[in-house]
Amino acid sequence: MKHRLLQHGRLPAALEASLAEHYDVHPLWAETDPAAFLAAHGGEFVAMTTRAANGVDAAMMAAMPALKVISSFGVGLDKIDLDAARARGIAVGYTPDVLNDCVADTAFGLLMDVARGFSAADRFVRRGEWPKGPFPLTTRVSGKRMGIIGMGRIGRVIARRGLGFDMEVSYHSRRPVADLPYRHEPSLAALAEWADFLVIATAGGAETRHLVSASVLEALGPQGFLINIARGTVVDEAALVDALVHKRIAGAGLDVFEHEPQVPPALFALDNVVLLPHIASGTNETRVAMADLVFENLQSFFATGAVKREAT
C-alpha cells in the first residue's frame, strides 16, 4: 500500500512523476473547494507536500488528523505553522542550502543592475535615445559598503560575493554569529546609515514584518540602495515606494513584494528600481536540487522516522 499524500500546489513535473510513482497522491490544487474536500477526506492523508508560497496553516493541519510529515518546496517557513506542527509531532522538511548560490547571485545581480543602471541603460538604447546623448553616470560597486540584514546561509554567501568586489561587509541580526569576519551591528538604523547597499536576507514572518521601516530607509539616505531577495513583508512597501518616488534613497533591486504577484504600479515608471518576479532560486539546476530534496525528505521520513532536512 502506498502512503496517501496530499499535494498542496503544483510542483516541477519530474517531482510530481516521482511522487505519483511512490505515493498515492491527491492534488489539492485541483479541487474547486479545498476546504470541503479536506473536511470529507482529510483523515486519509499521512503526508503532504507544499510550497513556501502556499505554506500550511494550523486549520489545514487540523483537518488532517493522521498527518505525520510535511515536505515543503522552498526555504521560506513563514507560511507554515511550525508551532502547530510541533504540537502534533508532525515532521516538517524543507529545502535549504541547495538554493543559496542562486539566491545570492540574484542579490548581487540586482545590486549591480540598480547601481550601474544596466536595465535602465538597455531601455535607453531600445528607445533610440543613445544618438541624442550619453546615458547618465551611475554608481560604482567595487569597494563600497554592504550591510546585510540576516547572516544565515544565504546572507553568508552574499557576503562572500561582496568580498570578491572588495566591499566592506557588516550585518545586522538578533545576535552576533560566531566565527565570522564581518562586523555585527546591533542597530539596524545604524547599519543602514553606514551602508551604501543594504541587502535583506532575513526570514519573513510576523517577527520581521516591516523591519525595514520608513526610518530605516531615511537612514539609508539618498545615496543608498536597498536590495531584497528575502520576503516582501520585511519592508514597509508603502514607505519604500514613497522613498523611491521622491528619491530619498538612491534605488532598489526587488525580487519580492508585500502582496505578490501584485507590484505597486508607481514603481513601473521608475528607472531607480529593478523589478523581478520572485525568481531568485529560479534556475534549472537549483529547482532540480530542490525537487530532489522534497522527495528525499519524504523517503527519509518513511524509512527512518526523520526527514533529511528538518525545519526548526
Protein backbone atom coordinates (compact mmCIF):
# COMPACT_ATOMS: atom_id res chain seq x y z
CA MET A 1 0.00 0.00 0.00
CA LYS A 2 1.30 3.42 -0.94
CA HIS A 3 1.15 6.17 1.66
CA ARG A 4 -1.62 8.67 0.95
CA LEU A 5 -0.11 12.09 0.13
CA LEU A 6 -1.81 15.45 -0.35
CA GLN A 7 -0.17 17.78 -2.86
CA HIS A 8 -0.80 21.43 -1.93
CA GLY A 9 0.24 23.41 -5.02
CA ARG A 10 1.91 22.44 -8.29
CA LEU A 11 5.47 21.12 -8.26
CA PRO A 12 8.03 20.50 -11.02
CA ALA A 13 6.82 17.82 -13.43
CA ALA A 14 9.64 15.39 -12.67
CA LEU A 15 8.95 15.63 -8.95
CA GLU A 16 5.21 15.12 -9.47
CA ALA A 17 6.03 12.00 -11.50
CA SER A 18 8.28 10.61 -8.74
CA LEU A 19 5.66 11.31 -6.10
CA ALA A 20 2.97 9.60 -8.18
CA GLU A 21 5.19 6.55 -8.58
CA HIS A 22 5.89 6.13 -4.87
CA TYR A 23 2.81 7.60 -3.17
CA ASP A 24 -0.95 7.71 -3.55
CA VAL A 25 -1.11 11.40 -4.44
CA HIS A 26 -4.15 13.65 -4.48
CA PRO A 27 -3.78 17.17 -5.96
CA LEU A 28 -5.49 19.59 -3.59
CA TRP A 29 -4.79 22.34 -6.11
CA ALA A 30 -7.28 20.67 -8.50
CA GLU A 31 -10.15 20.87 -6.02
CA THR A 32 -12.69 23.65 -6.56
CA ASP A 33 -13.45 23.69 -2.81
CA PRO A 34 -10.30 22.56 -0.96
CA ALA A 35 -11.82 23.13 2.49
CA ALA A 36 -14.82 20.94 1.71
CA PHE A 37 -12.56 18.25 0.29
CA LEU A 38 -10.41 18.23 3.43
CA ALA A 39 -13.48 18.14 5.66
CA ALA A 40 -14.59 14.99 3.87
CA HIS A 41 -11.25 13.29 3.16
CA GLY A 42 -8.56 14.95 5.31
CA GLY A 43 -8.28 11.94 7.59
CA GLU A 44 -6.94 9.81 4.73
CA PHE A 45 -3.61 11.61 4.40
CA VAL A 46 -0.42 10.83 6.31
CA ALA A 47 1.87 13.04 4.21
CA MET A 48 1.71 16.26 2.25
CA THR A 49 3.80 18.46 0.02
CA THR A 50 3.54 22.21 -0.20
CA ARG A 51 5.46 25.21 -1.47
CA ALA A 52 6.91 28.05 0.59
CA ALA A 53 4.44 30.42 -1.05
CA ASN A 54 1.48 28.21 -0.07
CA GLY A 55 2.53 27.02 3.36
CA VAL A 56 0.30 25.04 5.71
CA ASP A 57 -1.70 26.71 8.45
CA ALA A 58 -3.00 25.22 11.69
CA ALA A 59 -6.53 24.80 10.32
CA MET A 60 -5.30 22.72 7.39
CA MET A 61 -3.25 20.52 9.71
CA ALA A 62 -6.26 20.10 11.99
CA ALA A 63 -8.27 18.86 9.01
CA MET A 64 -5.72 16.03 8.58
CA PRO A 65 -5.68 14.14 11.90
CA ALA A 66 -3.44 11.35 10.53
CA LEU A 67 -0.82 13.72 9.07
CA LYS A 68 2.74 12.74 10.02
CA VAL A 69 5.04 14.62 7.65
CA ILE A 70 5.10 17.79 5.53
CA SER A 71 7.72 18.28 2.82
CA SER A 72 7.95 21.87 1.55
CA PHE A 73 9.46 23.05 -1.73
CA GLY A 74 11.44 26.13 -0.64
CA VAL A 75 13.22 27.65 2.34
CA GLY A 76 10.58 30.13 3.48
CA LEU A 77 8.82 28.92 6.61
CA ASP A 78 6.73 32.00 7.41
CA LYS A 79 3.56 30.42 5.96
CA ILE A 80 4.00 27.07 7.74
CA ASP A 81 2.64 26.98 11.29
CA LEU A 82 5.62 25.26 12.86
CA ASP A 83 4.18 25.56 16.37
CA ALA A 84 1.07 23.66 15.30
CA ALA A 85 3.24 21.03 13.63
CA ARG A 86 5.40 20.60 16.74
CA ALA A 87 2.34 20.30 18.95
CA ARG A 88 1.10 17.46 16.77
CA GLY A 89 4.53 15.82 16.33
CA ILE A 90 4.40 16.41 12.57
CA ALA A 91 7.83 16.40 10.92
CA VAL A 92 8.44 19.34 8.57
CA GLY A 93 11.08 19.09 5.86
CA TYR A 94 12.25 21.89 3.60
CA THR A 95 15.00 22.61 1.05
CA PRO A 96 17.81 24.75 2.50
CA ASP A 97 21.36 25.14 1.14
CA VAL A 98 20.69 23.90 -2.39
CA LEU A 99 19.46 27.37 -3.42
CA ASN A 100 21.98 29.52 -1.55
CA ASP A 101 24.21 30.27 -4.52
CA CYS A 102 21.48 31.18 -6.98
CA VAL A 103 19.69 33.43 -4.48
CA ALA A 104 22.97 35.15 -3.61
CA ASP A 105 23.75 35.54 -7.32
CA THR A 106 20.37 37.20 -7.80
CA ALA A 107 21.00 39.55 -4.88
CA PHE A 108 24.29 40.61 -6.37
CA GLY A 109 22.80 40.83 -9.84
CA LEU A 110 20.15 43.22 -8.53
CA LEU A 111 22.79 45.21 -6.68
CA MET A 112 24.93 45.57 -9.81
CA ASP A 113 21.94 46.36 -12.01
CA VAL A 114 20.40 49.09 -9.89
CA ALA A 115 23.75 50.71 -9.08
CA ARG A 116 25.09 50.70 -12.63
CA GLY A 117 21.72 51.15 -14.32
CA PHE A 118 22.08 48.18 -16.66
CA SER A 119 18.36 47.57 -17.18
CA ALA A 120 17.69 51.29 -17.47
CA ALA A 121 20.54 51.61 -19.98
CA ASP A 122 19.10 48.73 -22.00
CA ARG A 123 15.77 50.53 -22.17
CA PHE A 124 17.62 53.75 -23.09
CA VAL A 125 19.21 52.03 -26.11
CA ARG A 126 15.98 50.31 -27.18
CA ARG A 127 14.10 53.62 -27.10
CA GLY A 128 16.63 55.02 -29.57
CA GLU A 129 17.90 57.66 -27.16
CA TRP A 130 21.64 56.95 -27.45
CA PRO A 131 22.11 59.05 -30.62
CA LYS A 132 20.60 62.00 -28.73
CA GLY A 133 23.21 61.94 -25.96
CA PRO A 134 25.04 59.79 -23.41
CA PHE A 135 23.40 57.72 -20.69
CA PRO A 136 23.71 59.37 -17.24
CA LEU A 137 26.61 58.40 -14.98
CA THR A 138 25.87 55.71 -12.39
CA THR A 139 27.30 54.41 -9.08
CA ARG A 140 30.43 52.31 -8.63
CA VAL A 141 30.00 48.99 -6.83
CA SER A 142 33.56 47.85 -6.08
CA GLY A 143 34.99 48.97 -2.77
CA LYS A 144 31.67 50.12 -1.30
CA ARG A 145 30.00 49.24 1.99
CA MET A 146 27.43 46.43 2.06
CA GLY A 147 25.16 45.91 5.04
CA ILE A 148 23.31 42.59 5.22
CA ILE A 149 20.14 42.07 7.25
CA GLY A 150 20.34 38.45 8.38
CA MET A 151 23.50 36.38 8.35
CA GLY A 152 22.15 32.88 7.77
CA ARG A 153 23.04 30.51 4.95
CA ILE A 154 22.15 32.91 2.15
CA GLY A 155 23.50 36.01 3.90
CA ARG A 156 26.91 34.38 4.25
CA VAL A 157 27.08 33.61 0.53
CA ILE A 158 26.07 37.19 -0.33
CA ALA A 159 28.83 38.43 1.96
CA ARG A 160 31.39 36.30 0.12
CA ARG A 161 30.18 37.73 -3.19
CA GLY A 162 30.78 41.20 -1.75
CA LEU A 163 34.33 40.37 -0.70
CA GLY A 164 35.04 39.47 -4.33
CA PHE A 165 34.23 43.10 -5.16
CA ASP A 166 36.47 44.42 -2.36
CA MET A 167 33.43 45.54 -0.40
CA GLU A 168 33.40 46.14 3.33
CA VAL A 169 30.70 43.94 4.88
CA SER A 170 28.75 44.40 8.10
CA TYR A 171 25.49 42.79 9.19
CA HIS A 172 22.52 43.08 11.49
CA SER A 173 20.89 40.13 13.25
CA ARG A 174 19.32 39.43 16.63
CA ARG A 175 22.70 38.27 17.92
CA PRO A 176 26.25 38.07 16.56
CA VAL A 177 27.14 34.96 14.56
CA ALA A 178 30.25 33.18 15.79
CA ASP A 179 33.35 32.69 13.64
CA LEU A 180 32.57 35.32 11.02
CA PRO A 181 34.99 38.06 9.93
CA TYR A 182 32.25 40.65 9.48
CA ARG A 183 31.23 43.33 11.99
CA HIS A 184 27.90 42.80 13.73
CA GLU A 185 25.80 45.96 14.05
CA PRO A 186 23.09 45.69 16.75
CA SER A 187 21.20 48.72 15.39
CA LEU A 188 19.52 48.30 12.00
CA ALA A 189 19.23 52.07 11.59
CA ALA A 190 22.96 52.44 12.23
CA LEU A 191 23.72 49.72 9.67
CA ALA A 192 21.51 51.47 7.11
CA GLU A 193 23.22 54.81 7.75
CA TRP A 194 26.66 53.18 7.30
CA ALA A 195 25.84 51.13 4.21
CA ASP A 196 25.96 52.06 0.56
CA PHE A 197 23.97 48.89 -0.16
CA LEU A 198 21.52 47.37 2.32
CA VAL A 199 20.70 43.76 1.41
CA ILE A 200 17.79 41.93 3.02
CA ALA A 201 18.45 38.22 3.57
CA THR A 202 16.41 37.54 6.70
CA ALA A 203 13.40 35.28 7.21
CA GLY A 204 9.87 36.55 6.73
CA GLY A 205 7.03 36.25 9.19
CA ALA A 206 5.49 38.28 11.99
CA GLU A 207 8.81 38.95 13.76
CA THR A 208 10.33 40.72 10.76
CA ARG A 209 7.24 42.37 9.27
CA HIS A 210 8.12 45.93 8.20
CA LEU A 211 11.53 45.61 9.85
CA VAL A 212 12.79 47.93 7.12
CA SER A 213 10.62 50.90 8.03
CA ALA A 214 10.42 54.48 6.86
CA SER A 215 13.00 55.45 9.47
CA VAL A 216 15.43 52.76 8.26
CA LEU A 217 15.02 53.99 4.69
CA GLU A 218 15.61 57.53 5.90
CA ALA A 219 18.85 56.35 7.49
CA LEU A 220 19.89 54.63 4.25
CA GLY A 221 19.57 58.02 2.59
CA PRO A 222 19.71 59.46 -0.91
CA GLN A 223 23.00 57.72 -1.79
CA GLY A 224 21.95 54.28 -0.51
CA PHE A 225 20.43 51.32 -2.33
CA LEU A 226 18.08 48.63 -0.95
CA ILE A 227 18.18 45.04 -2.24
CA ASN A 228 15.51 42.50 -1.23
CA ILE A 229 15.67 38.78 -2.08
CA ALA A 230 14.04 37.66 1.19
CA ARG A 231 10.33 38.38 1.70
CA GLY A 232 8.34 41.40 0.67
CA THR A 233 6.77 41.67 4.10
CA VAL A 234 10.13 42.58 5.65
CA VAL A 235 9.83 46.04 4.03
CA ASP A 236 7.17 48.67 4.63
CA GLU A 237 6.31 48.73 0.94
CA ALA A 238 4.34 51.98 1.04
CA ALA A 239 7.30 53.71 2.68
CA LEU A 240 9.66 52.20 0.11
CA VAL A 241 7.56 53.39 -2.82
CA ASP A 242 7.47 56.87 -1.32
CA ALA A 243 11.25 56.86 -0.78
CA LEU A 244 11.89 55.76 -4.36
CA VAL A 245 9.44 58.20 -5.96
CA HIS A 246 10.88 61.13 -4.01
CA LYS A 247 14.49 59.87 -4.29
CA ARG A 248 15.02 59.70 -0.54
CA ILE A 249 17.02 56.57 -1.36
CA ALA A 250 19.11 56.12 -4.50
CA GLY A 251 17.33 52.99 -5.70
CA ALA A 252 16.19 49.45 -5.03
CA GLY A 253 16.54 45.97 -6.50
CA LEU A 254 13.48 43.89 -5.65
CA ASP A 255 12.76 40.22 -6.27
CA VAL A 256 9.94 40.06 -3.71
CA PHE A 257 6.92 42.18 -2.85
CA GLU A 258 4.48 42.52 0.00
CA HIS A 259 1.41 41.40 -1.95
CA GLU A 260 2.79 39.15 -4.69
CA PRO A 261 2.16 38.92 -7.55
CA GLN A 262 0.82 42.47 -7.25
CA VAL A 263 3.51 45.14 -7.61
CA PRO A 264 2.85 48.81 -6.78
CA PRO A 265 2.13 50.49 -10.15
CA ALA A 266 4.04 53.59 -9.03
CA LEU A 267 7.26 51.59 -9.44
CA PHE A 268 6.75 50.76 -13.11
CA ALA A 269 7.83 54.14 -14.43
CA LEU A 270 10.91 54.48 -12.20
CA ASP A 271 14.41 53.87 -13.51
CA ASN A 272 15.88 53.74 -9.99
CA VAL A 273 14.29 50.37 -9.22
CA VAL A 274 14.81 46.93 -10.77
CA LEU A 275 11.79 44.62 -10.52
CA LEU A 276 11.97 40.82 -10.72
CA PRO A 277 9.07 38.31 -10.41
CA HIS A 278 10.43 36.34 -7.40
CA ILE A 279 12.97 34.35 -9.43
CA ALA A 280 15.97 34.29 -7.09
CA SER A 281 16.13 30.48 -6.96
CA GLY A 282 14.70 30.09 -10.46
CA THR A 283 17.42 28.17 -12.28
CA ASN A 284 17.10 24.69 -13.74
CA GLU A 285 19.91 23.39 -11.56
CA THR A 286 18.54 24.74 -8.32
CA ARG A 287 14.94 23.71 -8.95
CA VAL A 288 16.08 20.14 -9.70
CA ALA A 289 18.05 20.08 -6.44
CA MET A 290 15.08 21.46 -4.50
CA ALA A 291 12.74 18.89 -6.03
CA ASP A 292 15.16 16.08 -5.17
CA LEU A 293 15.26 17.22 -1.55
CA VAL A 294 11.47 17.39 -1.28
CA PHE A 295 11.34 13.76 -2.39
CA GLU A 296 14.28 12.73 -0.19
CA ASN A 297 12.66 14.31 2.86
CA LEU A 298 9.58 12.13 2.39
CA GLN A 299 11.53 8.98 1.61
CA SER A 300 13.77 9.51 4.63
CA PHE A 301 10.80 10.03 6.94
CA PHE A 302 9.07 6.81 5.95
CA ALA A 303 12.36 4.88 6.09
CA THR A 304 13.80 6.31 9.32
CA GLY A 305 11.11 8.41 11.02
CA ALA A 306 13.02 11.65 10.33
CA VAL A 307 13.17 14.00 7.33
CA LYS A 308 16.56 14.69 5.78
CA ARG A 309 16.40 18.46 6.34
CA GLU A 310 14.10 19.43 9.17
CA ALA A 311 12.62 22.90 9.68
CA THR A 312 13.17 24.22 13.19
